[in-house]
Amino acid sequence: MQEGKTYRDLFTMLREEPAAKAYFENLPAPVRQQMSTRAFRVNSFESMRDYADNLTRGDG
């Protein structure tokens, strides 16, 4: 995975990056669901990780 690479949205990134897909699939189901409903907010692996951290802390 290229460091700092951005994508159109979460689903594009999951299609193109196996490591991002593996990370996403290991998140708790409620976090995956919330992230999927706001896929436009996630355009890089870093933003996905940050968003997952916020959701698991309850800041989402």
Protein backbone atom coordinates (compact mmCIF):
# COMPACT_ATOMS: atom_id res chain seq x y z
CA MET A 1 0.00 0.00 0.00
CA GLN A 2 1.31 3.43 -0.92
CA GLU A 3 1.72 5.72 2.07
CA GLY A 4 -0.52 8.76 1.81
CA LYS A 5 -2.43 7.56 -1.27
CA THR A 6 -6.02 8.77 -1.46
CA TYR A 7 -9.07 7.18 -3.03
CA ARG A 8 -12.49 8.35 -4.13
CA ASP A 9 -14.14 6.68 -1.13
CA LEU A 10 -13.97 3.74 1.25
CA PHE A 11 -15.32 1.20 -1.24
CA THR A 12 -12.79 2.15 -3.92
CA MET A 13 -9.97 1.77 -1.41
CA LEU A 14 -11.24 -1.64 -0.24
CA ARG A 15 -11.38 -2.86 -3.85
CA GLU A 16 -7.86 -1.66 -4.66
CA GLU A 17 -5.96 -2.28 -1.40
CA PRO A 18 -5.91 -5.79 0.12
CA ALA A 19 -4.32 -4.51 3.36
CA ALA A 20 -7.08 -1.92 3.81
CA LYS A 21 -9.72 -4.57 3.14
CA ALA A 22 -8.15 -6.90 5.72
CA TYR A 23 -8.05 -4.11 8.31
CA PHE A 24 -11.68 -3.17 7.61
CA GLU A 25 -12.88 -6.78 7.85
CA ASN A 26 -11.27 -7.12 11.29
CA LEU A 27 -13.11 -4.10 12.72
CA PRO A 28 -16.17 -4.72 14.92
CA ALA A 29 -19.40 -4.98 12.92
CA PRO A 30 -20.91 -1.74 14.29
CA VAL A 31 -17.77 0.17 13.28
CA ARG A 32 -17.84 -1.31 9.76
CA GLN A 33 -21.52 -0.42 9.43
CA GLN A 34 -21.04 3.17 10.58
CA MET A 35 -18.01 3.60 8.34
CA SER A 36 -19.90 2.20 5.35
CA THR A 37 -22.76 4.66 5.79
CA ARG A 38 -20.24 7.51 5.58
CA ALA A 39 -17.90 6.02 2.99
CA PHE A 40 -17.27 9.43 1.44
CA ARG A 41 -15.43 10.48 4.63
CA VAL A 42 -12.82 7.75 4.17
CA ASN A 43 -10.37 8.32 1.33
CA SER A 44 -7.10 6.87 2.68
CA PHE A 45 -5.88 4.12 4.97
CA GLU A 46 -4.91 6.78 7.49
CA SER A 47 -8.39 8.33 7.46
CA MET A 48 -9.96 4.87 7.86
CA ARG A 49 -7.73 4.13 10.86
CA ASP A 50 -8.48 7.52 12.44
CA TYR A 51 -12.23 7.14 11.87
CA ALA A 52 -12.18 3.60 13.33
CA ASP A 53 -10.33 4.94 16.39
CA ASN A 54 -12.94 7.67 16.84
CA LEU A 55 -15.83 5.21 16.48
CA THR A 56 -14.39 2.72 18.94
CA ARG A 57 -13.90 5.54 21.46
CA GLY A 58 -17.45 6.74 20.82
CA ASP A 59 -16.42 10.04 19.21
CA GLY A 60 -17.83 9.14 15.79
